[in-house]
Amino acid sequence: MATALITGASAGLGLEFAWQLATAHHDVVLVARNTERLERLAAQLNAAAGVRAEVLPADLTVRADVERVAERLRATERPVGLLVNNAGLGSSSSFLKADVADEEAALDVMVRAVLVLSHAAGNAMKERGRGAILNVSSLAALLASGPYSAHKAWVRTFTEGLAVELRGTGVTATVLQPGFVHTEFHERGGIDMSALPEAAWLNADDVVAAALADVRRGVVISTPSLRYQLAAGLARGLPRTAVRALGNYRSRLAGTAGAEGAGGDEAGADGEE
């Protein structure tokens, strides 16, 4: 089976991607900042599924680290057949109150790293005539809810364009846009989501299973659950004033107007200690 490389693999959706891919007998390359957590996960995956689990510690805010991951994607030995760009960062602070260095770090992880790694993987896979890229966005991409929404909107638009460019090459590009997912993403970002009703939440295992099924089918936009598919359709038809109002409402759910993580997320942040 093809090797899969997952960023933000030590927590949240990234961890669930690692487990589901390993149990489907894919070798995996695990990318995150915390070496100890990655090594522990690699040992668990190997013991449980008998797959090769390669540890690649990297901080995606550091350009040299991003390039090391890109080099792994270009490697011809044990080539990567599936790239999962999952790493993300969230914050409970509004944009103007945030440290701009933190905002730049989020931009590096959720935009620049996605661009660089997709470029490396796309070219390598195109040469081989097969492969898939899965970029994790969010339904927050459809709202006006601070820089986080803007980053995720970029991921969605970028991936759609990449899918068009890759048509006919044997390589596919899929963007995952989940709603609110039960993981530690919001807790790590200091975002209080207690006001959100339980019915709004999705389980990580269901989200990942749906995303991987859509990748296998070559679907470009993957939106797990019928209720979020309907929500996405409605959001696209709303006037921009309503989009801004919804973004503000979602932000207030987190207790801070403009909170970056308030629009819902894959919760697969590479935000471990």
C-alpha atoms as a PDB file:
ATOM      1  CA  MET A   1       0.000   0.000   0.000  1.00  0.00           C
ATOM      2  CA  ALA A   2       1.086   3.598  -0.597  1.00  0.00           C
ATOM      3  CA  THR A   3       2.925   5.507   2.104  1.00  0.00           C
ATOM      4  CA  ALA A   4       0.991   8.418   3.643  1.00  0.00           C
ATOM      5  CA  LEU A   5       2.607  11.538   5.118  1.00  0.00           C
ATOM      6  CA  ILE A   6       0.519  13.348   7.745  1.00  0.00           C
ATOM      7  CA  THR A   7       1.303  16.750   9.229  1.00  0.00           C
ATOM      8  CA  GLY A   8       0.037  17.480  12.728  1.00  0.00           C
ATOM      9  CA  ALA A   9       0.033  13.723  13.250  1.00  0.00           C
ATOM     10  CA  SER A  10       0.409  13.628  17.025  1.00  0.00           C
ATOM     11  CA  ALA A  11      -3.001  15.068  17.966  1.00  0.00           C
ATOM     12  CA  GLY A  12      -6.571  15.647  16.857  1.00  0.00           C
ATOM     13  CA  LEU A  13      -7.590  14.665  13.348  1.00  0.00           C
ATOM     14  CA  GLY A  14      -3.960  14.038  12.435  1.00  0.00           C
ATOM     15  CA  LEU A  15      -3.763  11.301  15.045  1.00  0.00           C
ATOM     16  CA  GLU A  16      -6.985   9.770  13.745  1.00  0.00           C
ATOM     17  CA  PHE A  17      -5.660   9.899  10.166  1.00  0.00           C
ATOM     18  CA  ALA A  18      -2.514   8.088  11.319  1.00  0.00           C
ATOM     19  CA  TRP A  19      -4.494   5.304  12.987  1.00  0.00           C
ATOM     20  CA  GLN A  20      -6.992   4.787  10.174  1.00  0.00           C
ATOM     21  CA  LEU A  21      -4.317   4.762   7.483  1.00  0.00           C
ATOM     22  CA  ALA A  22      -2.103   2.398   9.468  1.00  0.00           C
ATOM     23  CA  THR A  23      -4.945  -0.027  10.152  1.00  0.00           C
ATOM     24  CA  ALA A  24      -5.643   0.032   6.400  1.00  0.00           C
ATOM     25  CA  HIS A  25      -2.030  -1.191   5.995  1.00  0.00           C
ATOM     26  CA  HIS A  26      -0.485   2.053   4.780  1.00  0.00           C
ATOM     27  CA  ASP A  27       3.020   2.870   5.950  1.00  0.00           C
ATOM     28  CA  VAL A  28       3.020   6.354   7.455  1.00  0.00           C
ATOM     29  CA  VAL A  29       5.358   9.319   7.851  1.00  0.00           C
ATOM     30  CA  LEU A  30       4.422  11.221  11.004  1.00  0.00           C
ATOM     31  CA  VAL A  31       5.145  14.961  11.083  1.00  0.00           C
ATOM     32  CA  ALA A  32       4.743  17.181  14.165  1.00  0.00           C
ATOM     33  CA  ARG A  33       6.928  19.113  16.595  1.00  0.00           C
ATOM     34  CA  ASN A  34       6.987  16.765  19.566  1.00  0.00           C
ATOM     35  CA  THR A  35       9.517  14.003  18.878  1.00  0.00           C
ATOM     36  CA  GLU A  36       8.639  12.012  21.987  1.00  0.00           C
ATOM     37  CA  ARG A  37       4.946  11.873  21.127  1.00  0.00           C
ATOM     38  CA  LEU A  38       5.718  10.928  17.531  1.00  0.00           C
ATOM     39  CA  GLU A  39       8.029   8.108  18.561  1.00  0.00           C
ATOM     40  CA  ARG A  40       5.448   6.759  21.000  1.00  0.00           C
ATOM     41  CA  LEU A  41       2.776   6.879  18.295  1.00  0.00           C
ATOM     42  CA  ALA A  42       5.068   5.195  15.758  1.00  0.00           C
ATOM     43  CA  ALA A  43       5.707   2.322  18.156  1.00  0.00           C
ATOM     44  CA  GLN A  44       1.977   1.927  18.811  1.00  0.00           C
ATOM     45  CA  LEU A  45       1.130   1.892  15.100  1.00  0.00           C
ATOM     46  CA  ASN A  46       3.838  -0.633  14.349  1.00  0.00           C
ATOM     47  CA  ALA A  47       2.728  -2.916  17.170  1.00  0.00           C
ATOM     48  CA  ALA A  48      -0.978  -2.678  16.349  1.00  0.00           C
ATOM     49  CA  ALA A  49      -0.909  -2.713  12.543  1.00  0.00           C
ATOM     50  CA  GLY A  50       2.537  -4.011  11.591  1.00  0.00           C
ATOM     51  CA  VAL A  51       3.236  -1.009   9.374  1.00  0.00           C
ATOM     52  CA  ARG A  52       6.378   1.061   9.027  1.00  0.00           C
ATOM     53  CA  ALA A  53       5.867   4.329  10.917  1.00  0.00           C
ATOM     54  CA  GLU A  54       8.542   6.902  10.138  1.00  0.00           C
ATOM     55  CA  VAL A  55       9.048   9.833  12.511  1.00  0.00           C
ATOM     56  CA  LEU A  56       9.837  13.220  10.968  1.00  0.00           C
ATOM     57  CA  PRO A  57       9.884  15.948  13.644  1.00  0.00           C
ATOM     58  CA  ALA A  58       9.325  19.392  12.140  1.00  0.00           C
ATOM     59  CA  ASP A  59       8.118  22.828  13.148  1.00  0.00           C
ATOM     60  CA  LEU A  60       6.167  24.112  10.163  1.00  0.00           C
ATOM     61  CA  THR A  61       6.803  27.726  11.152  1.00  0.00           C
ATOM     62  CA  VAL A  62      10.495  27.123  10.383  1.00  0.00           C
ATOM     63  CA  ARG A  63      11.311  27.194   6.670  1.00  0.00           C
ATOM     64  CA  ALA A  64      14.211  24.767   6.943  1.00  0.00           C
ATOM     65  CA  ASP A  65      11.915  22.243   8.639  1.00  0.00           C
ATOM     66  CA  VAL A  66       9.270  22.659   5.944  1.00  0.00           C
ATOM     67  CA  GLU A  67      11.939  22.016   3.322  1.00  0.00           C
ATOM     68  CA  ARG A  68      12.982  18.787   5.094  1.00  0.00           C
ATOM     69  CA  VAL A  69       9.398  17.574   4.862  1.00  0.00           C
ATOM     70  CA  ALA A  70       9.270  18.641   1.201  1.00  0.00           C
ATOM     71  CA  GLU A  71      12.439  16.642   0.523  1.00  0.00           C
ATOM     72  CA  ARG A  72      10.787  13.564   2.026  1.00  0.00           C
ATOM     73  CA  LEU A  73       7.855  14.077  -0.327  1.00  0.00           C
ATOM     74  CA  ARG A  74      10.242  14.218  -3.290  1.00  0.00           C
ATOM     75  CA  ALA A  75      12.113  11.064  -2.237  1.00  0.00           C
ATOM     76  CA  THR A  76      11.982   8.129  -4.636  1.00  0.00           C
ATOM     77  CA  GLU A  77      12.701   5.545  -1.936  1.00  0.00           C
ATOM     78  CA  ARG A  78       9.454   4.575  -0.175  1.00  0.00           C
ATOM     79  CA  PRO A  79       7.608   7.281  -2.135  1.00  0.00           C
ATOM     80  CA  VAL A  80       4.703   9.087  -0.522  1.00  0.00           C
ATOM     81  CA  GLY A  81       1.420   8.328  -2.275  1.00  0.00           C
ATOM     82  CA  LEU A  82      -0.850  10.375  -0.008  1.00  0.00           C
ATOM     83  CA  LEU A  83      -0.100  13.754   1.570  1.00  0.00           C
ATOM     84  CA  VAL A  84      -2.413  14.891   4.374  1.00  0.00           C
ATOM     85  CA  ASN A  85      -1.840  18.594   5.085  1.00  0.00           C
ATOM     86  CA  ASN A  86      -3.581  18.674   8.445  1.00  0.00           C
ATOM     87  CA  ALA A  87      -1.492  20.795  10.830  1.00  0.00           C
ATOM     88  CA  GLY A  88      -3.193  23.926  12.105  1.00  0.00           C
ATOM     89  CA  LEU A  89      -3.166  26.549  14.823  1.00  0.00           C
ATOM     90  CA  GLY A  90      -6.044  28.271  16.610  1.00  0.00           C
ATOM     91  CA  SER A  91      -6.294  31.181  19.014  1.00  0.00           C
ATOM     92  CA  SER A  92      -8.917  32.575  21.386  1.00  0.00           C
ATOM     93  CA  SER A  93      -7.679  36.133  20.850  1.00  0.00           C
ATOM     94  CA  SER A  94      -9.194  38.591  18.402  1.00  0.00           C
ATOM     95  CA  PHE A  95      -6.890  39.708  15.588  1.00  0.00           C
ATOM     96  CA  LEU A  96      -6.094  43.193  16.878  1.00  0.00           C
ATOM     97  CA  LYS A  97      -5.405  41.897  20.384  1.00  0.00           C
ATOM     98  CA  ALA A  98      -3.216  39.038  19.186  1.00  0.00           C
ATOM     99  CA  ASP A  99       0.562  39.075  18.969  1.00  0.00           C
ATOM    100  CA  VAL A 100       1.303  39.568  15.281  1.00  0.00           C
ATOM    101  CA  ALA A 101       4.120  37.009  15.552  1.00  0.00           C
ATOM    102  CA  ASP A 102       1.522  34.396  16.520  1.00  0.00           C
ATOM    103  CA  GLU A 103      -0.572  35.387  13.514  1.00  0.00           C
ATOM    104  CA  GLU A 104       2.450  35.035  11.246  1.00  0.00           C
ATOM    105  CA  ALA A 105       3.129  31.585  12.690  1.00  0.00           C
ATOM    106  CA  ALA A 106      -0.448  30.531  11.951  1.00  0.00           C
ATOM    107  CA  LEU A 107      -0.077  31.836   8.398  1.00  0.00           C
ATOM    108  CA  ASP A 108       3.137  29.834   7.969  1.00  0.00           C
ATOM    109  CA  VAL A 109       1.535  26.595   9.183  1.00  0.00           C
ATOM    110  CA  MET A 110      -1.859  26.825   7.499  1.00  0.00           C
ATOM    111  CA  VAL A 111      -0.940  28.578   4.248  1.00  0.00           C
ATOM    112  CA  ARG A 112       2.759  28.592   3.415  1.00  0.00           C
ATOM    113  CA  ALA A 113       3.444  25.005   4.521  1.00  0.00           C
ATOM    114  CA  VAL A 114       0.388  23.757   2.627  1.00  0.00           C
ATOM    115  CA  LEU A 115       1.605  25.523  -0.523  1.00  0.00           C
ATOM    116  CA  VAL A 116       5.203  24.269  -0.290  1.00  0.00           C
ATOM    117  CA  LEU A 117       4.309  20.675   0.594  1.00  0.00           C
ATOM    118  CA  SER A 118       1.557  20.461  -2.024  1.00  0.00           C
ATOM    119  CA  HIS A 119       4.033  21.701  -4.643  1.00  0.00           C
ATOM    120  CA  ALA A 120       6.612  19.082  -3.660  1.00  0.00           C
ATOM    121  CA  ALA A 121       4.091  16.246  -3.487  1.00  0.00           C
ATOM    122  CA  GLY A 122       2.194  17.284  -6.597  1.00  0.00           C
ATOM    123  CA  ASN A 123       5.283  17.279  -8.795  1.00  0.00           C
ATOM    124  CA  ALA A 124       6.638  14.014  -7.387  1.00  0.00           C
ATOM    125  CA  MET A 125       3.288  12.253  -7.721  1.00  0.00           C
ATOM    126  CA  LYS A 126       2.713  13.643 -11.208  1.00  0.00           C
ATOM    127  CA  GLU A 127       6.031  12.146 -12.331  1.00  0.00           C
ATOM    128  CA  ARG A 128       4.897   8.747 -11.024  1.00  0.00           C
ATOM    129  CA  GLY A 129       1.419   9.141 -12.504  1.00  0.00           C
ATOM    130  CA  ARG A 130      -0.439   8.466  -9.255  1.00  0.00           C
ATOM    131  CA  GLY A 131      -1.062   9.884  -5.807  1.00  0.00           C
ATOM    132  CA  ALA A 132      -3.400  12.056  -3.769  1.00  0.00           C
ATOM    133  CA  ILE A 133      -3.216  15.272  -1.761  1.00  0.00           C
ATOM    134  CA  LEU A 134      -5.700  15.942   1.042  1.00  0.00           C
ATOM    135  CA  ASN A 135      -5.695  19.465   2.456  1.00  0.00           C
ATOM    136  CA  VAL A 136      -7.700  20.115   5.603  1.00  0.00           C
ATOM    137  CA  SER A 137      -9.764  23.291   5.554  1.00  0.00           C
ATOM    138  CA  SER A 138     -12.889  24.058   7.605  1.00  0.00           C
ATOM    139  CA  LEU A 139     -16.416  25.336   7.219  1.00  0.00           C
ATOM    140  CA  ALA A 140     -14.959  28.447   8.842  1.00  0.00           C
ATOM    141  CA  ALA A 141     -13.652  29.142   5.324  1.00  0.00           C
ATOM    142  CA  LEU A 142     -17.182  30.189   4.374  1.00  0.00           C
ATOM    143  CA  LEU A 143     -17.445  32.770   7.164  1.00  0.00           C
ATOM    144  CA  ALA A 144     -15.833  36.101   7.996  1.00  0.00           C
ATOM    145  CA  SER A 145     -14.254  35.155  11.313  1.00  0.00           C
ATOM    146  CA  GLY A 146     -10.739  36.569  11.474  1.00  0.00           C
ATOM    147  CA  PRO A 147      -7.452  35.348   9.999  1.00  0.00           C
ATOM    148  CA  TYR A 148      -8.261  31.704  10.742  1.00  0.00           C
ATOM    149  CA  SER A 149     -11.244  31.789   8.379  1.00  0.00           C
ATOM    150  CA  ALA A 150      -9.110  33.549   5.778  1.00  0.00           C
ATOM    151  CA  HIS A 151      -6.393  30.887   5.990  1.00  0.00           C
ATOM    152  CA  LYS A 152      -8.937  28.111   5.589  1.00  0.00           C
ATOM    153  CA  ALA A 153     -10.622  29.906   2.683  1.00  0.00           C
ATOM    154  CA  TRP A 154      -7.232  30.058   0.976  1.00  0.00           C
ATOM    155  CA  VAL A 155      -6.756  26.304   1.510  1.00  0.00           C
ATOM    156  CA  ARG A 156     -10.105  25.559  -0.085  1.00  0.00           C
ATOM    157  CA  THR A 157      -9.602  27.793  -3.132  1.00  0.00           C
ATOM    158  CA  PHE A 158      -6.007  26.658  -3.583  1.00  0.00           C
ATOM    159  CA  THR A 159      -6.961  22.979  -3.463  1.00  0.00           C
ATOM    160  CA  GLU A 160      -9.776  23.413  -5.963  1.00  0.00           C
ATOM    161  CA  GLY A 161      -7.339  25.070  -8.355  1.00  0.00           C
ATOM    162  CA  LEU A 162      -4.785  22.324  -7.780  1.00  0.00           C
ATOM    163  CA  ALA A 163      -7.408  19.677  -8.537  1.00  0.00           C
ATOM    164  CA  VAL A 164      -8.055  21.330 -11.897  1.00  0.00           C
ATOM    165  CA  GLU A 165      -4.329  21.484 -12.688  1.00  0.00           C
ATOM    166  CA  LEU A 166      -3.877  17.799 -11.810  1.00  0.00           C
ATOM    167  CA  ARG A 167      -6.801  16.564 -13.893  1.00  0.00           C
ATOM    168  CA  GLY A 168      -5.765  13.693 -16.150  1.00  0.00           C
ATOM    169  CA  THR A 169      -2.413  13.107 -14.412  1.00  0.00           C
ATOM    170  CA  GLY A 170      -3.462  10.238 -12.138  1.00  0.00           C
ATOM    171  CA  VAL A 171      -3.068  12.534  -9.119  1.00  0.00           C
ATOM    172  CA  THR A 172      -6.003  14.008  -7.203  1.00  0.00           C
ATOM    173  CA  ALA A 173      -6.459  16.891  -4.767  1.00  0.00           C
ATOM    174  CA  THR A 174      -9.205  16.935  -2.143  1.00  0.00           C
ATOM    175  CA  VAL A 175     -10.089  19.608   0.409  1.00  0.00           C
ATOM    176  CA  LEU A 176     -11.739  18.520   3.652  1.00  0.00           C
ATOM    177  CA  GLN A 177     -14.064  21.076   5.238  1.00  0.00           C
ATOM    178  CA  PRO A 178     -15.493  19.699   8.481  1.00  0.00           C
ATOM    179  CA  GLY A 179     -17.554  21.586  10.996  1.00  0.00           C
ATOM    180  CA  PHE A 180     -16.968  21.292  14.737  1.00  0.00           C
ATOM    181  CA  VAL A 181     -15.077  18.114  15.624  1.00  0.00           C
ATOM    182  CA  HIS A 182     -14.548  16.517  19.025  1.00  0.00           C
ATOM    183  CA  THR A 183     -10.767  16.817  19.536  1.00  0.00           C
ATOM    184  CA  GLU A 184      -8.440  18.867  21.713  1.00  0.00           C
ATOM    185  CA  PHE A 185      -8.038  21.671  19.132  1.00  0.00           C
ATOM    186  CA  HIS A 186     -10.207  24.249  20.858  1.00  0.00           C
ATOM    187  CA  GLU A 187      -8.855  23.393  24.307  1.00  0.00           C
ATOM    188  CA  ARG A 188      -5.275  23.800  23.082  1.00  0.00           C
ATOM    189  CA  GLY A 189      -6.180  27.178  21.610  1.00  0.00           C
ATOM    190  CA  GLY A 190      -7.827  28.310  24.849  1.00  0.00           C
ATOM    191  CA  ILE A 191     -11.193  28.469  23.073  1.00  0.00           C
ATOM    192  CA  ASP A 192     -14.284  27.834  25.217  1.00  0.00           C
ATOM    193  CA  MET A 193     -16.891  26.076  23.072  1.00  0.00           C
ATOM    194  CA  SER A 194     -19.220  25.065  25.923  1.00  0.00           C
ATOM    195  CA  ALA A 195     -22.054  27.178  24.484  1.00  0.00           C
ATOM    196  CA  LEU A 196     -22.193  25.049  21.333  1.00  0.00           C
ATOM    197  CA  PRO A 197     -24.937  22.366  21.400  1.00  0.00           C
ATOM    198  CA  GLU A 198     -23.839  18.735  21.286  1.00  0.00           C
ATOM    199  CA  ALA A 199     -25.760  18.208  18.042  1.00  0.00           C
ATOM    200  CA  ALA A 200     -23.291  20.490  16.249  1.00  0.00           C
ATOM    201  CA  TRP A 201     -20.294  18.262  16.963  1.00  0.00           C
ATOM    202  CA  LEU A 202     -18.837  15.502  14.791  1.00  0.00           C
ATOM    203  CA  ASN A 203     -16.644  12.600  15.873  1.00  0.00           C
ATOM    204  CA  ALA A 204     -13.087  12.546  14.562  1.00  0.00           C
ATOM    205  CA  ASP A 205     -13.261   8.923  13.405  1.00  0.00           C
ATOM    206  CA  ASP A 206     -16.334   9.627  11.270  1.00  0.00           C
ATOM    207  CA  VAL A 207     -14.761  12.741   9.741  1.00  0.00           C
ATOM    208  CA  VAL A 208     -11.544  10.936   8.824  1.00  0.00           C
ATOM    209  CA  ALA A 209     -13.335   7.887   7.421  1.00  0.00           C
ATOM    210  CA  ALA A 210     -15.502  10.126   5.221  1.00  0.00           C
ATOM    211  CA  ALA A 211     -12.491  12.142   4.051  1.00  0.00           C
ATOM    212  CA  LEU A 212     -10.472   9.059   3.089  1.00  0.00           C
ATOM    213  CA  ALA A 213     -13.466   7.596   1.253  1.00  0.00           C
ATOM    214  CA  ASP A 214     -13.775  10.834  -0.730  1.00  0.00           C
ATOM    215  CA  VAL A 215     -10.045  10.776  -1.528  1.00  0.00           C
ATOM    216  CA  ARG A 216     -10.428   7.254  -2.918  1.00  0.00           C
ATOM    217  CA  ARG A 217     -13.302   8.452  -5.106  1.00  0.00           C
ATOM    218  CA  GLY A 218     -11.429  11.529  -6.299  1.00  0.00           C
ATOM    219  CA  VAL A 219     -13.933  13.949  -4.751  1.00  0.00           C
ATOM    220  CA  VAL A 220     -12.613  17.530  -4.738  1.00  0.00           C
ATOM    221  CA  ILE A 221     -14.611  18.988  -1.805  1.00  0.00           C
ATOM    222  CA  SER A 222     -15.261  16.658   1.134  1.00  0.00           C
ATOM    223  CA  THR A 223     -17.853  17.851   3.667  1.00  0.00           C
ATOM    224  CA  PRO A 224     -18.638  15.121   6.225  1.00  0.00           C
ATOM    225  CA  SER A 225     -22.252  14.826   7.449  1.00  0.00           C
ATOM    226  CA  LEU A 226     -25.425  15.852   5.688  1.00  0.00           C
ATOM    227  CA  ARG A 227     -26.154  18.689   8.111  1.00  0.00           C
ATOM    228  CA  TYR A 228     -22.843  20.377   7.335  1.00  0.00           C
ATOM    229  CA  GLN A 229     -23.294  19.805   3.607  1.00  0.00           C
ATOM    230  CA  LEU A 230     -26.592  21.671   3.876  1.00  0.00           C
ATOM    231  CA  ALA A 231     -24.973  24.395   5.991  1.00  0.00           C
ATOM    232  CA  ALA A 232     -22.193  24.832   3.422  1.00  0.00           C
ATOM    233  CA  GLY A 233     -24.712  25.140   0.607  1.00  0.00           C
ATOM    234  CA  LEU A 234     -26.705  27.737   2.513  1.00  0.00           C
ATOM    235  CA  ALA A 235     -23.605  29.726   3.483  1.00  0.00           C
ATOM    236  CA  ARG A 236     -22.469  30.001  -0.138  1.00  0.00           C
ATOM    237  CA  GLY A 237     -25.796  31.582  -1.083  1.00  0.00           C
ATOM    238  CA  LEU A 238     -25.918  34.144   1.717  1.00  0.00           C
ATOM    239  CA  PRO A 239     -25.289  37.866   1.155  1.00  0.00           C
ATOM    240  CA  ARG A 240     -21.943  39.036   2.534  1.00  0.00           C
ATOM    241  CA  THR A 241     -23.613  40.993   5.340  1.00  0.00           C
ATOM    242  CA  ALA A 242     -25.123  37.736   6.604  1.00  0.00           C
ATOM    243  CA  VAL A 243     -21.779  35.950   6.249  1.00  0.00           C
ATOM    244  CA  ARG A 244     -20.148  38.613   8.411  1.00  0.00           C
ATOM    245  CA  ALA A 245     -22.916  38.365  10.991  1.00  0.00           C
ATOM    246  CA  LEU A 246     -22.567  34.582  11.156  1.00  0.00           C
ATOM    247  CA  GLY A 247     -18.813  34.888  11.519  1.00  0.00           C
ATOM    248  CA  ASN A 248     -19.283  37.266  14.424  1.00  0.00           C
ATOM    249  CA  TYR A 249     -21.800  34.905  16.050  1.00  0.00           C
ATOM    250  CA  ARG A 250     -19.440  31.943  15.718  1.00  0.00           C
ATOM    251  CA  SER A 251     -16.641  34.017  17.210  1.00  0.00           C
ATOM    252  CA  ARG A 252     -18.801  34.994  20.163  1.00  0.00           C
ATOM    253  CA  LEU A 253     -19.423  31.315  20.881  1.00  0.00           C
ATOM    254  CA  ALA A 254     -15.756  31.256  21.863  1.00  0.00           C
ATOM    255  CA  GLY A 255     -16.190  34.299  24.078  1.00  0.00           C
ATOM    256  CA  THR A 256     -14.074  36.645  21.950  1.00  0.00           C
ATOM    257  CA  ALA A 257     -15.257  38.584  18.911  1.00  0.00           C
ATOM    258  CA  GLY A 258     -13.046  37.580  15.999  1.00  0.00           C
ATOM    259  CA  ALA A 259     -11.593  34.524  17.715  1.00  0.00           C
ATOM    260  CA  GLU A 260      -9.663  32.654  15.077  1.00  0.00           C
ATOM    261  CA  GLY A 261     -10.691  29.148  15.969  1.00  0.00           C
ATOM    262  CA  ALA A 262     -14.353  29.875  16.490  1.00  0.00           C
ATOM    263  CA  GLY A 263     -15.551  28.898  13.058  1.00  0.00           C
ATOM    264  CA  GLY A 264     -15.117  25.202  13.665  1.00  0.00           C
ATOM    265  CA  ASP A 265     -12.137  23.179  12.634  1.00  0.00           C
ATOM    266  CA  GLU A 266     -10.524  19.888  11.888  1.00  0.00           C
ATOM    267  CA  ALA A 267      -8.907  20.249  15.283  1.00  0.00           C
ATOM    268  CA  GLY A 268      -5.761  18.575  14.055  1.00  0.00           C
ATOM    269  CA  ALA A 269      -3.440  21.264  15.293  1.00  0.00           C
ATOM    270  CA  ASP A 270       0.264  20.666  15.447  1.00  0.00           C
ATOM    271  CA  GLY A 271       0.082  22.438  18.757  1.00  0.00           C
ATOM    272  CA  GLU A 272       1.576  19.959  21.177  1.00  0.00           C
ATOM    273  CA  GLU A 273       3.897  21.013  23.964  1.00  0.00           C
END
